[in-house]
Amino acid sequence: MRRSPTVRFACVFSLVLAASGMLAGCHHAPPAEQQIREAIDAAATAARANDTRGVLDVVSDDFSGNEGELDRHGLRQWLALRQDKTGVLVGPVSFEHQGDRIVATFNLVLTGGKPGDLLPERSSIYRMTTAWRLEGRDWRCYNVHWESKV
């Protein structure tokens, strides 16, 4: 019995969808990790655009950086004063679950210069250790520690 091209297409299409669903299931990050990764990417995108509010959207009200060296208010001021062109590159993120909180670590490359310059005037590489907790439905960064890698 020979099947029509439409039936064959439907069968093949169904198999492709089933296979892609199985592959996605094998490589699908847990929702919390995916949300944190998206928050890190959103903050990086906001920093590139000098969007203070966009960076602060992922930060808790009681945020602390480098053992109290920087709080949310200080971060807001620092971001608002920047007038340079900022490049931000986030390296691979690794996660460690600690009870109901998650620690995300990654390398961060920052470049800076005058708007319109072809090449950056300066660059720095940092090892970032960020601590996240669920606040309502959103994961927010409440603590960060950074070390220069240069």
C-alpha atoms as a PDB file:
ATOM      1  CA  MET A   1       0.000   0.000   0.000  1.00  0.00           C
ATOM      2  CA  ARG A   2       1.460   3.305  -1.131  1.00  0.00           C
ATOM      3  CA  ARG A   3       0.858   6.417   0.997  1.00  0.00           C
ATOM      4  CA  SER A   4       0.134   9.814  -0.483  1.00  0.00           C
ATOM      5  CA  PRO A   5       2.857  12.509  -0.332  1.00  0.00           C
ATOM      6  CA  THR A   6       0.784  14.420   2.227  1.00  0.00           C
ATOM      7  CA  VAL A   7       0.613  11.433   4.590  1.00  0.00           C
ATOM      8  CA  ARG A   8       4.349  10.771   4.163  1.00  0.00           C
ATOM      9  CA  PHE A   9       5.126  14.436   4.867  1.00  0.00           C
ATOM     10  CA  ALA A  10       2.939  14.377   7.982  1.00  0.00           C
ATOM     11  CA  CYS A  11       4.698  11.236   9.234  1.00  0.00           C
ATOM     12  CA  VAL A  12       8.183  12.634   8.613  1.00  0.00           C
ATOM     13  CA  PHE A  13       7.232  16.003  10.120  1.00  0.00           C
ATOM     14  CA  SER A  14       5.854  14.249  13.221  1.00  0.00           C
ATOM     15  CA  LEU A  15       9.063  12.230  13.599  1.00  0.00           C
ATOM     16  CA  VAL A  16      11.200  15.379  13.269  1.00  0.00           C
ATOM     17  CA  LEU A  17       9.114  17.159  15.911  1.00  0.00           C
ATOM     18  CA  ALA A  18       9.312  14.177  18.245  1.00  0.00           C
ATOM     19  CA  ALA A  19      13.078  13.884  17.774  1.00  0.00           C
ATOM     20  CA  SER A  20      13.650  17.607  18.294  1.00  0.00           C
ATOM     21  CA  GLY A  21      11.519  17.484  21.436  1.00  0.00           C
ATOM     22  CA  MET A  22      13.596  14.603  22.779  1.00  0.00           C
ATOM     23  CA  LEU A  23      16.857  16.412  21.978  1.00  0.00           C
ATOM     24  CA  ALA A  24      15.607  19.615  23.576  1.00  0.00           C
ATOM     25  CA  GLY A  25      14.608  17.637  26.643  1.00  0.00           C
ATOM     26  CA  CYS A  26      18.127  16.212  26.891  1.00  0.00           C
ATOM     27  CA  HIS A  27      19.772  19.633  26.778  1.00  0.00           C
ATOM     28  CA  HIS A  28      17.120  21.793  28.443  1.00  0.00           C
ATOM     29  CA  ALA A  29      18.471  23.771  31.391  1.00  0.00           C
ATOM     30  CA  PRO A  30      16.359  23.790  34.538  1.00  0.00           C
ATOM     31  CA  PRO A  31      14.017  26.798  34.582  1.00  0.00           C
ATOM     32  CA  ALA A  32      15.892  28.563  37.404  1.00  0.00           C
ATOM     33  CA  GLU A  33      19.234  28.341  35.631  1.00  0.00           C
ATOM     34  CA  GLN A  34      17.691  29.490  32.371  1.00  0.00           C
ATOM     35  CA  GLN A  35      16.057  32.489  34.082  1.00  0.00           C
ATOM     36  CA  ILE A  36      19.345  33.466  35.720  1.00  0.00           C
ATOM     37  CA  ARG A  37      21.233  33.107  32.447  1.00  0.00           C
ATOM     38  CA  GLU A  38      18.608  35.324  30.770  1.00  0.00           C
ATOM     39  CA  ALA A  39      18.891  37.888  33.603  1.00  0.00           C
ATOM     40  CA  ILE A  40      22.686  37.993  33.195  1.00  0.00           C
ATOM     41  CA  ASP A  41      22.286  38.468  29.433  1.00  0.00           C
ATOM     42  CA  ALA A  42      19.658  41.186  29.965  1.00  0.00           C
ATOM     43  CA  ALA A  43      21.941  43.063  32.362  1.00  0.00           C
ATOM     44  CA  ALA A  44      24.840  42.806  29.886  1.00  0.00           C
ATOM     45  CA  THR A  45      22.652  44.130  27.079  1.00  0.00           C
ATOM     46  CA  ALA A  46      21.464  46.988  29.298  1.00  0.00           C
ATOM     47  CA  ALA A  47      25.053  47.842  30.298  1.00  0.00           C
ATOM     48  CA  ARG A  48      26.084  48.025  26.630  1.00  0.00           C
ATOM     49  CA  ALA A  49      23.238  50.501  26.060  1.00  0.00           C
ATOM     50  CA  ASN A  50      24.067  52.536  29.212  1.00  0.00           C
ATOM     51  CA  ASP A  51      20.592  51.584  30.467  1.00  0.00           C
ATOM     52  CA  THR A  52      20.823  51.935  34.252  1.00  0.00           C
ATOM     53  CA  ARG A  53      17.268  50.732  34.860  1.00  0.00           C
ATOM     54  CA  GLY A  54      17.836  47.613  32.772  1.00  0.00           C
ATOM     55  CA  VAL A  55      20.851  46.621  34.867  1.00  0.00           C
ATOM     56  CA  LEU A  56      19.067  47.354  38.147  1.00  0.00           C
ATOM     57  CA  ASP A  57      16.041  45.273  37.083  1.00  0.00           C
ATOM     58  CA  VAL A  58      17.971  42.084  37.924  1.00  0.00           C
ATOM     59  CA  VAL A  59      19.420  43.355  41.222  1.00  0.00           C
ATOM     60  CA  SER A  60      17.806  42.947  44.655  1.00  0.00           C
ATOM     61  CA  ASP A  61      17.001  45.955  46.817  1.00  0.00           C
ATOM     62  CA  ASP A  62      19.568  44.740  49.387  1.00  0.00           C
ATOM     63  CA  PHE A  63      22.279  44.090  46.774  1.00  0.00           C
ATOM     64  CA  SER A  64      25.869  44.011  48.002  1.00  0.00           C
ATOM     65  CA  GLY A  65      29.054  43.821  45.980  1.00  0.00           C
ATOM     66  CA  ASN A  66      32.546  42.808  47.096  1.00  0.00           C
ATOM     67  CA  GLU A  67      31.684  42.494  50.790  1.00  0.00           C
ATOM     68  CA  GLY A  68      29.843  45.817  51.036  1.00  0.00           C
ATOM     69  CA  GLU A  69      32.120  47.825  48.752  1.00  0.00           C
ATOM     70  CA  LEU A  70      29.122  48.552  46.514  1.00  0.00           C
ATOM     71  CA  ASP A  71      25.383  48.593  47.274  1.00  0.00           C
ATOM     72  CA  ARG A  72      22.386  49.093  44.978  1.00  0.00           C
ATOM     73  CA  HIS A  73      22.453  52.877  45.432  1.00  0.00           C
ATOM     74  CA  GLY A  74      26.179  53.009  44.651  1.00  0.00           C
ATOM     75  CA  LEU A  75      25.672  50.799  41.618  1.00  0.00           C
ATOM     76  CA  ARG A  76      22.907  53.103  40.371  1.00  0.00           C
ATOM     77  CA  GLN A  77      25.144  56.167  40.773  1.00  0.00           C
ATOM     78  CA  TRP A  78      28.095  54.521  39.058  1.00  0.00           C
ATOM     79  CA  LEU A  79      25.954  53.388  36.130  1.00  0.00           C
ATOM     80  CA  ALA A  80      24.300  56.809  35.767  1.00  0.00           C
ATOM     81  CA  LEU A  81      27.655  58.639  35.664  1.00  0.00           C
ATOM     82  CA  ARG A  82      29.145  56.538  32.879  1.00  0.00           C
ATOM     83  CA  GLN A  83      29.193  58.320  29.563  1.00  0.00           C
ATOM     84  CA  ASP A  84      31.477  55.976  27.659  1.00  0.00           C
ATOM     85  CA  LYS A  85      30.787  53.297  25.114  1.00  0.00           C
ATOM     86  CA  THR A  86      30.832  50.040  27.075  1.00  0.00           C
ATOM     87  CA  GLY A  87      31.458  46.628  25.621  1.00  0.00           C
ATOM     88  CA  VAL A  88      30.346  43.647  27.685  1.00  0.00           C
ATOM     89  CA  LEU A  89      31.112  40.018  26.962  1.00  0.00           C
ATOM     90  CA  VAL A  90      29.854  37.269  29.274  1.00  0.00           C
ATOM     91  CA  GLY A  91      31.667  33.947  29.221  1.00  0.00           C
ATOM     92  CA  PRO A  92      30.098  30.549  29.908  1.00  0.00           C
ATOM     93  CA  VAL A  93      28.051  30.487  33.127  1.00  0.00           C
ATOM     94  CA  SER A  94      28.300  27.656  35.650  1.00  0.00           C
ATOM     95  CA  PHE A  95      25.753  27.094  38.406  1.00  0.00           C
ATOM     96  CA  GLU A  96      25.916  25.742  41.926  1.00  0.00           C
ATOM     97  CA  HIS A  97      22.686  25.140  43.841  1.00  0.00           C
ATOM     98  CA  GLN A  98      22.853  26.077  47.527  1.00  0.00           C
ATOM     99  CA  GLY A  99      19.470  25.269  49.037  1.00  0.00           C
ATOM    100  CA  ASP A 100      16.927  27.726  47.635  1.00  0.00           C
ATOM    101  CA  ARG A 101      19.669  29.959  46.220  1.00  0.00           C
ATOM    102  CA  ILE A 102      21.956  29.635  43.236  1.00  0.00           C
ATOM    103  CA  VAL A 103      25.517  30.815  42.694  1.00  0.00           C
ATOM    104  CA  ALA A 104      26.428  31.608  39.092  1.00  0.00           C
ATOM    105  CA  THR A 105      30.067  32.107  38.101  1.00  0.00           C
ATOM    106  CA  PHE A 106      31.461  33.405  34.841  1.00  0.00           C
ATOM    107  CA  ASN A 107      34.171  35.562  33.301  1.00  0.00           C
ATOM    108  CA  LEU A 108      33.205  39.067  32.271  1.00  0.00           C
ATOM    109  CA  VAL A 109      35.127  41.168  29.756  1.00  0.00           C
ATOM    110  CA  LEU A 110      34.498  44.913  29.898  1.00  0.00           C
ATOM    111  CA  THR A 111      35.786  47.370  27.314  1.00  0.00           C
ATOM    112  CA  GLY A 112      35.359  51.110  27.297  1.00  0.00           C
ATOM    113  CA  GLY A 113      36.035  54.110  25.158  1.00  0.00           C
ATOM    114  CA  LYS A 114      34.537  57.214  23.660  1.00  0.00           C
ATOM    115  CA  PRO A 115      31.342  56.818  21.645  1.00  0.00           C
ATOM    116  CA  GLY A 116      32.222  56.516  17.965  1.00  0.00           C
ATOM    117  CA  ASP A 117      35.740  55.135  18.534  1.00  0.00           C
ATOM    118  CA  LEU A 118      36.495  52.092  16.438  1.00  0.00           C
ATOM    119  CA  LEU A 119      38.621  50.354  19.089  1.00  0.00           C
ATOM    120  CA  PRO A 120      38.178  50.440  22.866  1.00  0.00           C
ATOM    121  CA  GLU A 121      40.612  52.533  24.930  1.00  0.00           C
ATOM    122  CA  ARG A 122      40.662  50.044  27.811  1.00  0.00           C
ATOM    123  CA  SER A 123      39.572  46.551  28.726  1.00  0.00           C
ATOM    124  CA  SER A 124      39.389  44.400  31.854  1.00  0.00           C
ATOM    125  CA  ILE A 125      38.597  40.777  32.587  1.00  0.00           C
ATOM    126  CA  TYR A 126      36.852  39.816  35.815  1.00  0.00           C
ATOM    127  CA  ARG A 127      35.930  36.532  37.455  1.00  0.00           C
ATOM    128  CA  MET A 128      32.360  37.056  38.650  1.00  0.00           C
ATOM    129  CA  THR A 129      30.691  35.082  41.434  1.00  0.00           C
ATOM    130  CA  THR A 130      27.043  36.073  41.667  1.00  0.00           C
ATOM    131  CA  ALA A 131      24.460  34.900  44.201  1.00  0.00           C
ATOM    132  CA  TRP A 132      20.799  34.704  43.195  1.00  0.00           C
ATOM    133  CA  ARG A 133      17.523  34.125  45.003  1.00  0.00           C
ATOM    134  CA  LEU A 134      13.924  33.901  43.914  1.00  0.00           C
ATOM    135  CA  GLU A 135      11.956  37.072  44.687  1.00  0.00           C
ATOM    136  CA  GLY A 136       8.344  36.549  43.726  1.00  0.00           C
ATOM    137  CA  ARG A 137       8.589  35.016  40.263  1.00  0.00           C
ATOM    138  CA  ASP A 138      11.972  36.502  39.342  1.00  0.00           C
ATOM    139  CA  TRP A 139      15.521  35.492  40.174  1.00  0.00           C
ATOM    140  CA  ARG A 140      17.480  38.512  41.403  1.00  0.00           C
ATOM    141  CA  CYS A 141      21.156  38.978  42.125  1.00  0.00           C
ATOM    142  CA  TYR A 142      21.637  39.883  45.779  1.00  0.00           C
ATOM    143  CA  ASN A 143      25.408  39.519  46.036  1.00  0.00           C
ATOM    144  CA  VAL A 144      28.369  39.653  43.714  1.00  0.00           C
ATOM    145  CA  HIS A 145      32.088  39.254  44.156  1.00  0.00           C
ATOM    146  CA  TRP A 146      34.520  40.112  41.400  1.00  0.00           C
ATOM    147  CA  GLU A 147      38.248  39.658  40.959  1.00  0.00           C
ATOM    148  CA  SER A 148      40.382  41.126  38.233  1.00  0.00           C
ATOM    149  CA  LYS A 149      41.950  38.402  36.090  1.00  0.00           C
ATOM    150  CA  VAL A 150      44.610  40.633  34.528  1.00  0.00           C
END
